[in-house]
Amino acid sequence: MTDKKIADLSDKELLQQMNKLRNGKIIDSLIIGFSMGVVVYSAVNGFNIFTLSPFLIVYLIVKNSKNNKILEGEIKKEMESRRLTKKI
């Protein structure tokens, strides 16, 4: 996230951040699924560089998702303190 603190964000900005995180989860899931498909396909058709390289991509996505999970928790706490719902 930018240099703005979560408490300084407006209600609309908080909801936008939650939507970005949710969309990011969906995209990450698609990339992981595609990467595992590449691993399986290349393992069946012979081992090469494409067999193991998707594991690096999956590692980076999982590492980033841990940071996103922390950020999501902080945003949820702020939304609860403001008594926001997900609809605005």
C-alpha atoms as a PDB file:
ATOM      1  CA  MET A   1       0.000   0.000   0.000  1.00  0.00           C
ATOM      2  CA  THR A   2       1.085   3.611  -0.353  1.00  0.00           C
ATOM      3  CA  ASP A   3       2.443   5.820   2.376  1.00  0.00           C
ATOM      4  CA  LYS A   4      -1.064   6.612   3.601  1.00  0.00           C
ATOM      5  CA  LYS A   5      -2.000   4.999   6.869  1.00  0.00           C
ATOM      6  CA  ILE A   6      -5.085   2.851   6.925  1.00  0.00           C
ATOM      7  CA  ALA A   7      -6.731   5.072   9.523  1.00  0.00           C
ATOM      8  CA  ASP A   8      -6.320   8.074   7.206  1.00  0.00           C
ATOM      9  CA  LEU A   9      -8.194   6.445   4.313  1.00  0.00           C
ATOM     10  CA  SER A  10     -11.765   7.416   3.571  1.00  0.00           C
ATOM     11  CA  ASP A  11     -14.555   4.858   3.692  1.00  0.00           C
ATOM     12  CA  LYS A  12     -14.623   4.593  -0.081  1.00  0.00           C
ATOM     13  CA  GLU A  13     -10.842   4.091  -0.247  1.00  0.00           C
ATOM     14  CA  LEU A  14     -11.043   1.318   2.366  1.00  0.00           C
ATOM     15  CA  LEU A  15     -13.652  -0.500   0.313  1.00  0.00           C
ATOM     16  CA  GLN A  16     -11.550  -0.049  -2.825  1.00  0.00           C
ATOM     17  CA  GLN A  17      -8.540  -1.561  -1.058  1.00  0.00           C
ATOM     18  CA  MET A  18     -10.626  -4.556   0.023  1.00  0.00           C
ATOM     19  CA  ASN A  19     -11.799  -5.036  -3.567  1.00  0.00           C
ATOM     20  CA  LYS A  20      -8.205  -4.852  -4.829  1.00  0.00           C
ATOM     21  CA  LEU A  21      -7.147  -7.501  -2.321  1.00  0.00           C
ATOM     22  CA  ARG A  22     -10.067  -9.750  -3.286  1.00  0.00           C
ATOM     23  CA  ASN A  23      -9.316  -9.377  -6.995  1.00  0.00           C
ATOM     24  CA  GLY A  24      -5.652 -10.063  -6.292  1.00  0.00           C
ATOM     25  CA  LYS A  25      -6.579 -13.340  -4.587  1.00  0.00           C
ATOM     26  CA  ILE A  26      -8.523 -14.456  -7.649  1.00  0.00           C
ATOM     27  CA  ILE A  27      -5.693 -13.578 -10.023  1.00  0.00           C
ATOM     28  CA  ASP A  28      -3.140 -15.296  -7.772  1.00  0.00           C
ATOM     29  CA  SER A  29      -5.269 -18.447  -7.729  1.00  0.00           C
ATOM     30  CA  LEU A  30      -5.486 -18.471 -11.512  1.00  0.00           C
ATOM     31  CA  ILE A  31      -1.728 -18.025 -11.882  1.00  0.00           C
ATOM     32  CA  ILE A  32      -1.022 -20.812  -9.389  1.00  0.00           C
ATOM     33  CA  GLY A  33      -3.434 -23.142 -11.183  1.00  0.00           C
ATOM     34  CA  PHE A  34      -1.887 -22.366 -14.557  1.00  0.00           C
ATOM     35  CA  SER A  35       1.626 -22.864 -13.155  1.00  0.00           C
ATOM     36  CA  MET A  36       0.733 -26.239 -11.705  1.00  0.00           C
ATOM     37  CA  GLY A  37      -0.771 -27.207 -15.055  1.00  0.00           C
ATOM     38  CA  VAL A  38       2.542 -26.331 -16.721  1.00  0.00           C
ATOM     39  CA  VAL A  39       4.409 -28.450 -14.178  1.00  0.00           C
ATOM     40  CA  VAL A  40       2.174 -31.457 -14.748  1.00  0.00           C
ATOM     41  CA  TYR A  41       2.279 -31.094 -18.528  1.00  0.00           C
ATOM     42  CA  SER A  42       6.055 -30.752 -18.663  1.00  0.00           C
ATOM     43  CA  ALA A  43       6.553 -33.615 -16.179  1.00  0.00           C
ATOM     44  CA  VAL A  44       4.472 -35.909 -18.388  1.00  0.00           C
ATOM     45  CA  ASN A  45       6.258 -34.845 -21.572  1.00  0.00           C
ATOM     46  CA  GLY A  46       9.789 -34.900 -20.176  1.00  0.00           C
ATOM     47  CA  PHE A  47      11.644 -32.845 -17.612  1.00  0.00           C
ATOM     48  CA  ASN A  48      13.056 -29.511 -18.696  1.00  0.00           C
ATOM     49  CA  ILE A  49      13.365 -25.955 -17.397  1.00  0.00           C
ATOM     50  CA  PHE A  50       9.586 -25.480 -17.481  1.00  0.00           C
ATOM     51  CA  THR A  51       9.098 -28.332 -15.037  1.00  0.00           C
ATOM     52  CA  LEU A  52      10.575 -26.562 -12.028  1.00  0.00           C
ATOM     53  CA  SER A  53      10.421 -22.847 -12.896  1.00  0.00           C
ATOM     54  CA  PRO A  54       6.702 -22.450 -12.022  1.00  0.00           C
ATOM     55  CA  PHE A  55       7.533 -23.354  -8.423  1.00  0.00           C
ATOM     56  CA  LEU A  56       9.422 -20.057  -8.166  1.00  0.00           C
ATOM     57  CA  ILE A  57       6.336 -18.182  -9.328  1.00  0.00           C
ATOM     58  CA  VAL A  58       4.155 -20.033  -6.814  1.00  0.00           C
ATOM     59  CA  TYR A  59       6.644 -19.285  -4.013  1.00  0.00           C
ATOM     60  CA  LEU A  60       6.603 -15.568  -4.806  1.00  0.00           C
ATOM     61  CA  ILE A  61       2.805 -15.471  -4.906  1.00  0.00           C
ATOM     62  CA  VAL A  62       2.462 -17.304  -1.586  1.00  0.00           C
ATOM     63  CA  LYS A  63       5.034 -15.020   0.032  1.00  0.00           C
ATOM     64  CA  ASN A  64       3.167 -11.937  -1.189  1.00  0.00           C
ATOM     65  CA  SER A  65      -0.186 -13.347  -0.089  1.00  0.00           C
ATOM     66  CA  LYS A  66       1.022 -13.488   3.516  1.00  0.00           C
ATOM     67  CA  ASN A  67       1.631  -9.728   3.410  1.00  0.00           C
ATOM     68  CA  ASN A  68      -1.764  -9.212   1.805  1.00  0.00           C
ATOM     69  CA  LYS A  69      -3.414 -11.265   4.547  1.00  0.00           C
ATOM     70  CA  ILE A  70      -1.918  -8.989   7.216  1.00  0.00           C
ATOM     71  CA  LEU A  71      -3.049  -5.902   5.303  1.00  0.00           C
ATOM     72  CA  GLU A  72      -6.534  -7.359   4.875  1.00  0.00           C
ATOM     73  CA  GLY A  73      -6.790  -7.974   8.622  1.00  0.00           C
ATOM     74  CA  GLU A  74      -5.856  -4.384   9.387  1.00  0.00           C
ATOM     75  CA  ILE A  75      -8.358  -3.054   6.874  1.00  0.00           C
ATOM     76  CA  LYS A  76     -11.105  -5.277   8.324  1.00  0.00           C
ATOM     77  CA  LYS A  77     -10.359  -3.992  11.829  1.00  0.00           C
ATOM     78  CA  GLU A  78     -10.598  -0.409  10.603  1.00  0.00           C
ATOM     79  CA  MET A  79     -13.849  -1.156   8.771  1.00  0.00           C
ATOM     80  CA  GLU A  80     -15.313  -2.743  11.895  1.00  0.00           C
ATOM     81  CA  SER A  81     -14.290   0.247  14.008  1.00  0.00           C
ATOM     82  CA  ARG A  82     -16.097   2.518  11.529  1.00  0.00           C
ATOM     83  CA  ARG A  83     -19.013   0.066  11.309  1.00  0.00           C
ATOM     84  CA  LEU A  84     -18.729  -0.152   7.545  1.00  0.00           C
ATOM     85  CA  THR A  85     -20.361  -2.778   5.458  1.00  0.00           C
ATOM     86  CA  LYS A  86     -18.990  -3.894   2.127  1.00  0.00           C
ATOM     87  CA  LYS A  87     -21.671  -1.949   0.279  1.00  0.00           C
ATOM     88  CA  ILE A  88     -21.246   1.754  -0.474  1.00  0.00           C
END
